[in-house]
Protein backbone atom coordinates (compact mmCIF):
# COMPACT_ATOMS: atom_id res chain seq x y z
CA MET A 1 33.31 -5.72 13.65
CA LEU A 2 30.35 -7.19 15.54
CA LYS A 3 29.44 -3.80 16.99
CA ILE A 4 29.72 -2.06 13.62
CA ASN A 5 27.55 -4.70 11.92
CA SER A 6 25.02 -4.52 14.74
CA TYR A 7 24.86 -0.74 14.38
CA TYR A 8 24.19 -0.83 10.63
CA ASP A 9 21.59 -3.56 11.06
CA LYS A 10 19.87 -1.40 13.65
CA ILE A 11 19.64 1.69 11.41
CA GLY A 12 18.09 -0.19 8.50
CA TYR A 13 20.82 -1.89 6.49
CA GLY A 14 20.26 -5.38 7.88
CA GLY A 15 20.54 -8.47 5.67
CA GLN A 16 22.21 -6.70 2.78
CA LEU A 17 25.82 -7.77 3.29
CA PRO A 18 27.59 -10.60 5.15
CA SER A 19 29.60 -7.85 6.86
CA HIS A 20 29.69 -4.07 6.62
CA VAL A 21 33.41 -4.21 7.42
CA ILE A 22 34.90 -5.34 4.11
CA ASN A 23 38.54 -4.68 4.90
CA LEU A 24 40.37 -4.69 8.23
CA ASN A 25 44.13 -4.25 8.61
CA ILE A 26 46.55 -3.73 11.44
CA GLY A 27 49.72 -1.94 10.37
CA LYS A 28 53.24 -2.69 11.61
CA ASP A 29 52.99 0.38 13.83
CA GLY A 30 49.83 -1.03 15.43
CA SER A 31 47.42 1.29 13.61
CA LEU A 32 44.01 -0.18 12.76
CA SER A 33 42.30 0.64 9.43
CA LEU A 34 38.73 -0.30 8.55
CA GLN A 35 36.92 -0.09 5.22
CA ILE A 36 33.17 0.27 5.66
CA ARG A 37 30.41 -0.46 3.18
CA GLU A 38 27.17 0.82 4.67
CA GLY A 39 24.83 -1.03 2.33
CA LEU A 40 24.15 -2.02 -1.23
CA THR A 41 23.94 0.67 -3.89
CA VAL A 42 20.83 0.63 -6.08
CA ALA A 43 21.70 -0.53 -9.60
CA ASN A 44 18.17 -0.63 -11.02
CA ILE A 45 14.66 0.05 -9.72
CA ILE A 46 12.16 -2.50 -11.01
CA ILE A 47 8.40 -1.93 -10.75
CA LYS A 48 6.09 -4.96 -10.64
CA GLY A 49 2.51 -5.83 -9.71
CA MET A 50 -0.50 -3.79 -10.86
CA PRO A 51 0.64 -0.23 -10.14
CA ILE A 52 -1.61 1.43 -12.78
CA LEU A 53 0.60 4.54 -12.70
CA PRO A 54 3.52 4.53 -15.19
CA PRO A 55 6.96 3.53 -13.85
CA THR A 56 8.29 7.01 -14.72
CA VAL A 57 5.75 8.64 -12.38
CA ILE A 58 6.46 6.11 -9.61
CA LYS A 59 10.26 6.41 -9.83
CA LYS A 60 10.09 10.18 -9.78
CA ALA A 61 8.14 10.05 -6.49
CA LEU A 62 10.54 7.63 -4.80
CA VAL A 63 13.13 8.78 -2.27
CA THR A 64 15.30 5.85 -3.37
CA LYS A 65 17.28 6.62 -6.50
CA GLU A 66 19.58 4.56 -8.69
CA GLY A 67 23.20 5.00 -7.65
CA GLN A 68 22.31 5.66 -4.00
CA PRO A 69 22.39 3.33 -0.95
CA TYR A 70 19.21 1.40 -0.11
CA SER A 71 17.90 0.97 3.43
CA GLU A 72 14.71 0.19 5.34
CA ASP A 73 14.46 3.88 6.20
CA THR A 74 14.35 4.94 2.55
CA ARG A 75 11.86 2.13 1.83
CA ASP A 76 9.50 3.49 4.50
CA LYS A 77 9.85 7.00 3.11
CA ASP A 78 9.12 5.63 -0.36
CA TYR A 79 5.85 4.13 0.87
CA GLU A 80 4.72 7.44 2.37
CA ALA A 81 5.70 9.31 -0.81
CA LEU A 82 3.81 6.82 -2.99
CA LYS A 83 0.65 7.10 -0.89
CA LYS A 84 0.64 10.83 -1.53
CA ILE A 85 1.18 10.53 -5.29
CA TYR A 86 -1.53 7.84 -5.59
CA ASP A 87 -3.89 10.04 -3.63
CA GLN A 88 -3.30 12.82 -6.18
CA TYR A 89 -4.54 10.44 -8.90
CA ASP A 90 -7.61 9.44 -6.81
CA LEU A 91 -6.17 5.95 -6.23
CA SER A 92 -5.21 3.92 -3.15
CA ILE A 93 -2.37 1.47 -2.60
CA GLY A 94 -3.83 -1.94 -1.78
CA ASP A 95 -0.52 -3.74 -1.29
CA PHE A 96 3.12 -2.64 -1.23
CA GLU A 97 6.30 -4.67 -1.02
CA ALA A 98 9.86 -3.50 -1.56
CA GLY A 99 13.20 -5.20 -1.24
CA ILE A 100 16.48 -6.29 -2.73
CA ASP A 101 16.42 -8.86 -5.52
CA PRO A 102 18.84 -11.48 -4.10
CA THR A 103 19.71 -12.76 -7.58
CA SER A 104 21.02 -9.34 -8.56
CA VAL A 105 23.44 -8.80 -5.66
CA ASN A 106 27.00 -8.04 -6.80
CA THR A 107 29.19 -8.21 -3.70
CA ASP A 108 32.30 -7.02 -5.60
CA LYS A 109 30.61 -3.81 -6.73
CA GLY A 110 28.28 -3.59 -3.76
CA THR A 111 25.19 -3.17 -5.95
CA ALA A 112 21.77 -4.76 -6.32
CA ASP A 113 18.42 -4.24 -8.02
CA ILE A 114 15.49 -3.06 -5.90
CA VAL A 115 12.03 -4.46 -6.69
CA TYR A 116 8.87 -2.53 -5.83
CA THR A 117 5.69 -4.61 -6.09
CA ILE A 118 2.68 -2.32 -6.02
CA HIS A 119 -1.01 -3.17 -6.39
CA VAL A 120 -3.76 -0.56 -6.37
CA ALA A 121 -6.79 -1.27 -4.20
CA VAL A 122 -9.41 -3.33 -6.04
CA VAL A 123 -12.94 -4.30 -5.02
CA GLY A 124 -12.97 -7.95 -3.97
CA ALA A 125 -16.59 -8.14 -2.82
CA VAL A 126 -19.57 -5.91 -2.01
CA GLN A 127 -21.73 -6.61 1.03
CA ILE A 128 -25.03 -5.04 2.07
CA THR A 129 -25.85 -5.13 5.78
CA GLY A 130 -28.46 -3.60 8.06
CA ASN A 131 -31.37 -3.70 5.60
CA THR A 132 -34.50 -5.60 6.59
CA LYS A 133 -37.17 -4.12 4.29
CA THR A 134 -35.15 -2.89 1.30
CA LYS A 135 -33.99 -5.70 -0.99
CA ASP A 136 -30.26 -6.08 -1.70
CA GLU A 137 -30.83 -5.79 -5.45
CA VAL A 138 -32.45 -2.37 -5.03
CA ILE A 139 -29.34 -1.15 -3.21
CA ARG A 140 -26.85 -2.84 -5.54
CA ARG A 141 -28.42 -1.14 -8.57
CA GLN A 142 -27.22 2.18 -7.17
CA LEU A 143 -23.61 1.11 -6.73
CA ARG A 144 -20.97 1.84 -9.36
CA LEU A 145 -18.10 -0.01 -7.67
CA ARG A 146 -18.34 -3.75 -8.19
CA PRO A 147 -15.93 -6.70 -7.77
CA GLY A 148 -12.87 -6.42 -9.98
CA MET A 149 -13.03 -2.64 -10.29
CA ILE A 150 -10.35 -0.23 -9.08
CA VAL A 151 -11.29 1.67 -5.91
CA THR A 152 -11.34 5.45 -6.28
CA GLN A 153 -12.47 8.01 -3.73
CA GLY A 154 -14.63 9.65 -6.38
CA ALA A 155 -16.56 6.44 -7.04
CA LEU A 156 -16.96 5.77 -3.30
CA HIS A 157 -18.42 9.24 -2.74
CA ARG A 158 -20.72 8.81 -5.72
CA ASP A 159 -22.03 5.46 -4.38
CA TYR A 160 -22.52 6.94 -0.91
CA ASP A 161 -24.49 9.87 -2.33
CA LYS A 162 -26.66 7.56 -4.47
CA LEU A 163 -27.63 5.44 -1.45
CA ASN A 164 -28.13 8.45 0.78
CA ASN A 165 -30.33 10.18 -1.80
CA LEU A 166 -32.70 7.22 -2.09
CA GLY A 167 -34.49 8.50 1.00
CA PHE A 168 -34.85 4.98 2.37
CA PHE A 169 -32.12 5.21 4.98
CA GLU A 170 -31.56 7.15 8.17
CA LYS A 171 -27.82 6.43 7.99
CA VAL A 172 -25.39 5.02 5.41
CA GLU A 173 -21.92 3.86 6.43
CA LEU A 174 -19.09 2.25 4.47
CA ASN A 175 -16.84 -0.26 6.22
CA ALA A 176 -13.89 -1.38 4.13
CA LYS A 177 -12.46 -4.77 5.15
CA PRO A 178 -9.64 -6.97 3.81
CA GLY A 179 -10.52 -9.82 1.54
CA PRO A 180 -12.18 -11.96 0.59
CA ASP A 181 -9.08 -13.71 -0.81
CA PRO A 182 -6.14 -13.68 1.67
CA LYS A 183 -3.80 -14.45 -1.24
CA LYS A 184 -4.76 -11.10 -2.80
CA PRO A 185 -4.15 -8.52 -0.04
CA TRP A 186 -4.88 -5.66 -2.44
CA GLU A 187 -8.54 -6.71 -2.64
CA THR A 188 -10.99 -5.06 -0.29
CA THR A 189 -14.55 -5.90 0.73
CA LEU A 190 -16.89 -2.91 0.66
CA ASP A 191 -19.50 -3.38 3.37
CA TRP A 192 -22.33 -0.90 2.94
CA ASN A 193 -24.17 -0.75 6.26
CA VAL A 194 -27.54 0.99 6.16
CA LYS A 195 -30.03 1.96 8.83
CA GLU A 196 -33.51 2.14 7.40
CA GLN A 197 -35.94 4.99 8.10
CA ARG A 198 -38.61 4.37 10.69
CA THR A 199 -42.01 3.46 9.30
CA GLY A 200 -44.31 6.51 9.31
CA THR A 201 -47.64 6.54 11.21
CA ALA A 202 -50.91 7.96 9.93
CA GLN A 203 -53.62 9.56 12.06
CA VAL A 204 -57.27 9.82 10.97
CA GLY A 205 -59.65 12.29 12.59
CA ALA A 206 -63.40 12.60 12.16
CA GLY A 207 -65.46 15.68 12.77
């Protein structure tokens, strides 16, 4: 029993059941019979957080389905599948958590609800670095993405192009960092790092 439980814990079913061997009998003839329950079967899939996309779209993309066993392996596949579907809608996942709702576990039926908490990436703060001559406010006027707004690749490209087209900078780089609030891991700090153009020189000749 210990070896069987250890095996199922190792392949991603850990913490779901007190034991994966739910029935063990030794017959009068010495034969051993085991009844195995690999893991909990998904009763309901519950979507929480700020997913933006409708639950129907999210559930359709998931590898995990109601009526099927749940494991860490399927959870990881779900995350990869969701990243692709969010990318199709020009969105990014800022935070993702998935797991069994312990209050929903039915040991007799071997079922439980699975909760997916999804938050899209949101701008937490905007920083301007590298500028010495150009004022921050001049740069910020060009930026569409501001704190509280949802991050999209389209808006990021638009902001990059706006800064690049000013003609003030030799190089424009975006560094996305976590924060500023550690309690909101879906927030990101957009650090726009600019390298200003060299000051031109003028030559005067007399003849």
